[in-house]
Amino acid sequence: MAKNFFKSSSSSSQSSPRSEGSLNDDPDTPLTGGLSEEPKLYRLPKYYDIAFSRDVSREIDFYIKCFKRYCGFEVKRILEPACGSGVFLLAFPRYGYQVVGYDISPEMVEYANEKIRRAGLQSMAKAVVGDMANMKFSEKFDAAIIAINSLGYLQTDDKLLSHFKCMSESLVDGGLYIVELSCACQNIENERRPDETWVAEEGSVKVEATWRPYRYDTTKKLRYVNFKMKVQDSGRVFELEEEHVLRLWYYDDLKKLAEESGFSIKAIYTQEFQPVPLDSKITGELGALYFVLANKV
């Protein structure tokens, strides 16, 4: 198990930037279980970071409001599975939170830690290598988040149940796990949306990316996505094309797996951070959603 990341701290969670508390600088992080294969995209952290960079300030504000509304105690320590290149690892410390992220990609973890080092946030943030199917920590966290449907890379009930159980064991009782994902549309034809194509630039680097869902297997509950990326970097040009296979989510499955692991669904929010009544029909027609899960309450 990964353990002993945090020293005791008097830091508190506020909505104004500050930097208190400290984080142990232990380079050795034992894992529970082995690692699975990840798509090549996640071995290219520099270009991933450019392609998927965004302002997360509104998301941070939303998370903080959830912490204050649904936690019966002050949140100080946050865990982020599938942390990627570390956008939230840099953002949360500026609001007084200590945060540990983990990712299956060693390249992403190294890149995220270098960003943390350059920002001077080593006492508040850290990334380690781990597989979200079986990663757990002996040091308890107050809350956790997982963004942009990253949980979908766990395709089977067994792996998802293992993940939720590991998360439950890694959180304090009453801790929150805020999960962002997209459920399947009630009418599967509504899944056939236009391709998402965008261009991002940073310095001498230009990245063109296309994310194209193209097949849905409702029996196996899988969504197949074709991803293309063209990179121009200081005169060098290369392209990447690969398939990403993600869980095709159904709300009843999410609810069942979470509850079997000790979580209860406290609230659901839209991408505009508007509440969704818990007795609503939860389908993909609502868009991507935030599910606020409470641990062992």
Protein backbone atom coordinates (compact mmCIF):
# COMPACT_ATOMS: atom_id res chain seq x y z
CA MET A 1 0.00 0.00 0.00
CA ALA A 2 0.99 3.59 -0.51
CA LYS A 3 1.18 5.21 2.89
CA ASN A 4 2.25 8.03 5.17
CA PHE A 5 2.03 10.88 2.66
CA PHE A 6 0.75 13.52 5.03
CA LYS A 7 2.13 15.12 8.14
CA SER A 8 -0.29 16.65 10.59
CA SER A 9 -1.44 20.06 9.49
CA SER A 10 -3.67 22.88 10.62
CA SER A 11 -4.61 23.79 7.05
CA SER A 12 -8.27 24.50 6.41
CA SER A 13 -10.38 24.46 3.27
CA GLN A 14 -11.28 27.94 2.11
CA SER A 15 -12.26 29.38 -1.21
CA SER A 16 -9.36 31.83 -1.26
CA PRO A 17 -5.88 30.73 -2.29
CA ARG A 18 -3.44 29.90 0.49
CA SER A 19 -0.71 27.35 1.15
CA GLU A 20 -0.45 25.76 4.59
CA GLY A 21 0.38 22.28 5.82
CA SER A 22 3.03 19.90 4.58
CA LEU A 23 3.39 16.60 2.81
CA ASN A 24 6.01 13.95 3.50
CA ASP A 25 8.58 13.67 0.73
CA ASP A 26 8.75 9.86 0.69
CA PRO A 27 9.94 8.69 -2.77
CA ASP A 28 9.01 5.04 -2.21
CA THR A 29 5.38 4.24 -2.89
CA PRO A 30 4.46 0.54 -2.70
CA LEU A 31 1.46 -0.45 -4.81
CA THR A 32 -1.32 -2.94 -4.25
CA GLY A 33 -1.41 -5.13 -7.34
CA GLY A 34 0.11 -4.80 -10.78
CA LEU A 35 -0.45 -2.35 -13.59
CA SER A 36 -2.60 -2.75 -16.68
CA GLU A 37 -1.84 -1.52 -20.20
CA GLU A 38 -2.76 2.08 -20.90
CA PRO A 39 -3.38 3.79 -24.27
CA LYS A 40 -0.36 5.44 -25.93
CA LEU A 41 -1.95 8.87 -25.46
CA TYR A 42 -1.18 8.62 -21.76
CA ARG A 43 2.50 8.01 -22.44
CA LEU A 44 2.76 11.47 -24.06
CA PRO A 45 2.11 13.77 -21.10
CA LYS A 46 3.47 16.95 -22.70
CA TYR A 47 1.08 16.75 -25.64
CA TYR A 48 -1.78 15.39 -23.55
CA ASP A 49 -1.38 18.36 -21.21
CA ILE A 50 -1.61 20.79 -24.10
CA ALA A 51 -4.53 19.02 -25.79
CA PHE A 52 -6.61 18.67 -22.64
CA SER A 53 -5.58 21.80 -20.74
CA ARG A 54 -8.45 23.85 -19.36
CA ASP A 55 -9.38 26.31 -16.65
CA VAL A 56 -10.63 24.24 -13.70
CA SER A 57 -11.42 27.15 -11.37
CA ARG A 58 -15.20 26.65 -11.66
CA GLU A 59 -14.79 22.94 -11.00
CA ILE A 60 -12.65 23.65 -7.95
CA ASP A 61 -15.31 26.04 -6.63
CA PHE A 62 -17.93 23.33 -7.18
CA TYR A 63 -15.89 20.69 -5.37
CA ILE A 64 -15.29 23.01 -2.42
CA LYS A 65 -19.01 23.76 -2.15
CA CYS A 66 -19.73 20.01 -2.15
CA PHE A 67 -17.13 19.43 0.57
CA LYS A 68 -18.74 22.08 2.74
CA ARG A 69 -22.31 20.98 2.06
CA TYR A 70 -22.04 17.20 2.23
CA CYS A 71 -19.14 16.58 4.63
CA GLY A 72 -19.79 16.80 8.34
CA PHE A 73 -16.20 17.84 8.95
CA GLU A 74 -13.51 20.03 7.43
CA VAL A 75 -11.92 18.52 4.33
CA LYS A 76 -8.14 18.88 4.33
CA ARG A 77 -6.76 15.94 2.36
CA ILE A 78 -7.87 14.93 -1.13
CA LEU A 79 -7.16 11.86 -3.27
CA GLU A 80 -7.38 11.91 -7.07
CA PRO A 81 -7.35 8.62 -8.99
CA ALA A 82 -6.38 8.91 -12.68
CA CYS A 83 -4.75 12.28 -12.02
CA GLY A 84 -3.18 12.49 -15.48
CA SER A 85 -0.83 15.42 -15.98
CA GLY A 86 -1.82 16.96 -12.66
CA VAL A 87 -4.15 19.87 -13.38
CA PHE A 88 -6.04 19.38 -10.10
CA LEU A 89 -2.85 18.54 -8.21
CA LEU A 90 -1.69 22.09 -8.91
CA ALA A 91 -5.09 23.71 -8.35
CA PHE A 92 -6.20 22.35 -4.97
CA PRO A 93 -3.11 23.40 -2.97
CA ARG A 94 -3.75 27.02 -3.89
CA TYR A 95 -6.94 26.75 -1.82
CA GLY A 96 -5.25 25.20 1.20
CA TYR A 97 -5.81 21.52 0.40
CA GLN A 98 -3.25 18.75 0.47
CA VAL A 99 -3.68 16.36 -2.46
CA VAL A 100 -2.24 13.07 -3.67
CA GLY A 101 -2.97 11.81 -7.16
CA TYR A 102 -2.18 8.53 -8.78
CA ASP A 103 -2.13 7.37 -12.37
CA ILE A 104 -1.34 4.14 -14.21
CA SER A 105 1.06 5.98 -16.52
CA PRO A 106 4.57 6.47 -15.08
CA GLU A 107 5.13 9.15 -17.71
CA MET A 108 2.11 11.12 -16.50
CA VAL A 109 3.20 10.79 -12.88
CA GLU A 110 6.73 11.99 -13.61
CA TYR A 111 5.37 14.92 -15.63
CA ALA A 112 2.86 15.89 -12.92
CA ASN A 113 5.51 15.78 -10.21
CA GLU A 114 7.80 17.99 -12.29
CA LYS A 115 4.97 20.54 -12.64
CA ILE A 116 4.43 20.38 -8.89
CA ARG A 117 8.16 20.91 -8.30
CA ARG A 118 8.29 23.91 -10.64
CA ALA A 119 5.30 25.43 -8.86
CA GLY A 120 6.97 24.96 -5.47
CA LEU A 121 4.07 22.84 -4.17
CA GLN A 122 5.98 19.70 -3.12
CA SER A 123 4.80 20.10 0.49
CA MET A 124 1.15 20.12 -0.62
CA ALA A 125 0.84 17.82 -3.65
CA LYS A 126 2.27 14.60 -4.97
CA ALA A 127 1.62 12.03 -7.74
CA VAL A 128 2.37 8.31 -7.53
CA VAL A 129 2.00 5.38 -9.91
CA GLY A 130 -1.01 3.14 -9.33
CA ASP A 131 -3.80 1.19 -11.00
CA MET A 132 -7.25 2.40 -9.98
CA ALA A 133 -8.56 -1.18 -10.10
CA ASN A 134 -6.68 -2.03 -6.92
CA MET A 135 -4.82 0.99 -5.51
CA LYS A 136 -5.47 1.85 -1.88
CA PHE A 137 -3.79 3.83 0.86
CA SER A 138 -3.34 3.23 4.56
CA GLU A 139 -3.34 6.99 5.18
CA LYS A 140 -6.98 8.09 5.09
CA PHE A 141 -8.24 10.95 2.94
CA ASP A 142 -11.21 13.23 3.59
CA ALA A 143 -12.45 13.40 0.01
CA ALA A 144 -11.65 12.24 -3.50
CA ILE A 145 -12.48 13.24 -7.06
CA ILE A 146 -12.20 11.58 -10.46
CA ALA A 147 -12.73 13.71 -13.57
CA ILE A 148 -13.92 13.44 -17.19
CA ASN A 149 -15.10 9.81 -17.20
CA SER A 150 -11.66 8.43 -16.37
CA LEU A 151 -13.40 5.73 -14.32
CA GLY A 152 -14.74 4.37 -17.62
CA TYR A 153 -11.41 2.69 -18.33
CA LEU A 154 -12.43 0.10 -15.75
CA GLN A 155 -14.76 -1.85 -18.00
CA THR A 156 -16.00 -4.74 -15.84
CA ASP A 157 -18.10 -4.95 -12.70
CA ASP A 158 -15.33 -6.84 -10.90
CA LYS A 159 -12.75 -4.11 -11.49
CA LEU A 160 -15.21 -1.35 -10.66
CA LEU A 161 -16.29 -3.06 -7.45
CA SER A 162 -12.63 -3.49 -6.50
CA HIS A 163 -12.02 0.20 -7.21
CA PHE A 164 -14.93 1.40 -5.12
CA LYS A 165 -13.94 -0.88 -2.23
CA CYS A 166 -10.36 0.43 -2.37
CA MET A 167 -11.65 3.99 -2.40
CA SER A 168 -13.93 3.29 0.55
CA GLU A 169 -10.98 1.90 2.51
CA SER A 170 -8.86 4.92 1.56
CA LEU A 171 -11.43 7.49 2.75
CA VAL A 172 -12.52 8.35 6.26
CA ASP A 173 -16.06 7.45 7.25
CA GLY A 174 -18.31 10.18 5.90
CA GLY A 175 -15.73 11.18 3.31
CA LEU A 176 -16.84 12.16 -0.18
CA TYR A 177 -16.00 10.68 -3.57
CA ILE A 178 -17.13 12.93 -6.43
CA VAL A 179 -17.30 10.99 -9.70
CA GLU A 180 -17.72 12.68 -13.08
CA LEU A 181 -19.04 10.45 -15.88
CA SER A 182 -21.58 10.13 -18.69
CA CYS A 183 -24.36 7.55 -18.53
CA ALA A 184 -25.72 5.81 -21.61
CA CYS A 185 -28.57 7.55 -23.38
CA GLN A 186 -32.01 6.03 -22.92
CA ASN A 187 -32.33 6.15 -26.70
CA ILE A 188 -29.01 4.72 -27.91
CA GLU A 189 -29.38 6.70 -31.14
CA ASN A 190 -28.78 9.83 -29.07
CA GLU A 191 -25.25 8.55 -28.43
CA ARG A 192 -24.38 9.27 -32.06
CA ARG A 193 -23.06 12.76 -31.55
CA PRO A 194 -20.79 14.85 -33.77
CA ASP A 195 -17.07 14.19 -33.47
CA GLU A 196 -15.25 16.45 -31.02
CA THR A 197 -12.34 18.11 -32.83
CA TRP A 198 -10.23 20.88 -31.36
CA VAL A 199 -6.87 22.61 -31.69
CA ALA A 200 -4.62 23.66 -28.81
CA GLU A 201 -1.34 25.56 -28.96
CA GLU A 202 1.41 26.31 -26.49
CA GLY A 203 4.61 28.01 -27.58
CA SER A 204 5.94 26.21 -30.65
CA VAL A 205 3.64 23.22 -30.15
CA LYS A 206 0.31 22.77 -31.92
CA VAL A 207 -1.97 19.81 -31.21
CA GLU A 208 -5.02 18.86 -33.28
CA ALA A 209 -7.21 16.22 -31.64
CA THR A 210 -10.39 14.33 -32.53
CA TRP A 211 -12.41 12.21 -30.09
CA ARG A 212 -14.96 10.13 -32.01
CA PRO A 213 -17.24 7.59 -30.31
CA TYR A 214 -18.22 5.17 -33.06
CA ARG A 215 -19.64 1.98 -31.55
CA TYR A 216 -21.76 1.04 -28.56
CA ASP A 217 -22.13 -2.49 -27.23
CA THR A 218 -25.15 -2.48 -24.93
CA THR A 219 -24.70 -6.17 -24.06
CA LYS A 220 -21.10 -5.86 -22.87
CA LYS A 221 -21.74 -2.27 -21.76
CA LEU A 222 -18.83 -0.81 -23.70
CA ARG A 223 -18.31 2.42 -25.63
CA TYR A 224 -15.67 2.44 -28.40
CA VAL A 225 -13.90 5.69 -29.24
CA ASN A 226 -11.48 6.49 -32.05
CA PHE A 227 -8.89 9.06 -30.98
CA LYS A 228 -6.61 10.93 -33.39
CA MET A 229 -3.94 13.46 -32.52
CA LYS A 230 -1.63 15.39 -34.84
CA VAL A 231 1.31 17.13 -33.19
CA GLN A 232 3.51 19.85 -34.66
CA ASP A 233 6.45 20.55 -32.35
CA SER A 234 9.24 22.87 -33.53
CA GLY A 235 9.10 21.53 -37.08
CA ARG A 236 8.61 17.91 -36.08
CA VAL A 237 5.25 16.42 -37.05
CA PHE A 238 3.74 13.12 -35.96
CA GLU A 239 0.30 11.56 -35.65
CA LEU A 240 -1.29 9.15 -33.21
CA GLU A 241 -4.45 7.13 -33.80
CA GLU A 242 -5.82 4.54 -31.39
CA GLU A 243 -8.98 3.03 -29.97
CA HIS A 244 -10.18 3.72 -26.45
CA VAL A 245 -12.68 1.29 -24.95
CA LEU A 246 -14.71 2.66 -22.05
CA ARG A 247 -17.50 1.47 -19.82
CA LEU A 248 -20.97 2.29 -21.17
CA TRP A 249 -22.49 3.48 -17.93
CA TYR A 250 -25.99 2.78 -16.68
CA TYR A 251 -27.09 4.56 -13.53
CA ASP A 252 -28.43 1.42 -11.87
CA ASP A 253 -25.02 -0.24 -12.29
CA LEU A 254 -23.18 2.73 -10.81
CA LYS A 255 -25.56 2.92 -7.86
CA LYS A 256 -25.37 -0.82 -7.17
CA LEU A 257 -21.56 -1.02 -7.35
CA ALA A 258 -21.13 2.08 -5.19
CA GLU A 259 -23.58 0.87 -2.55
CA GLU A 260 -22.01 -2.60 -2.42
CA SER A 261 -18.73 -0.87 -1.57
CA GLY A 262 -20.08 1.25 1.27
CA PHE A 263 -20.99 4.43 -0.63
CA SER A 264 -24.35 6.15 -0.91
CA ILE A 265 -25.30 8.71 -3.55
CA LYS A 266 -25.93 12.02 -1.80
CA ALA A 267 -26.41 14.27 -4.82
CA ILE A 268 -26.11 14.53 -8.60
CA TYR A 269 -25.16 17.67 -10.54
CA THR A 270 -25.03 18.64 -14.20
CA GLN A 271 -22.02 20.08 -16.01
CA GLU A 272 -23.50 23.50 -15.23
CA PHE A 273 -23.38 22.50 -11.51
CA GLN A 274 -27.16 22.42 -11.23
CA PRO A 275 -28.70 19.76 -8.94
CA VAL A 276 -30.54 16.81 -10.46
CA PRO A 277 -33.33 15.31 -8.32
CA LEU A 278 -32.31 11.85 -7.13
CA ASP A 279 -35.65 10.42 -8.23
CA SER A 280 -35.08 11.61 -11.82
CA LYS A 281 -34.43 9.28 -14.73
CA ILE A 282 -30.62 9.40 -14.91
CA THR A 283 -29.54 8.89 -18.53
CA GLY A 284 -27.06 10.25 -21.04
CA GLU A 285 -29.61 12.73 -22.28
CA LEU A 286 -28.65 14.81 -19.22
CA GLY A 287 -25.03 15.02 -20.41
CA ALA A 288 -22.01 14.31 -18.24
CA LEU A 289 -22.87 14.38 -14.54
CA TYR A 290 -21.17 14.71 -11.17
CA PHE A 291 -22.17 12.02 -8.66
CA VAL A 292 -21.49 12.92 -5.03
CA LEU A 293 -20.88 9.70 -3.10
CA ALA A 294 -20.60 9.55 0.70
CA ASN A 295 -18.54 6.83 2.36
CA LYS A 296 -20.11 4.67 5.09
CA VAL A 297 -22.84 6.98 6.31
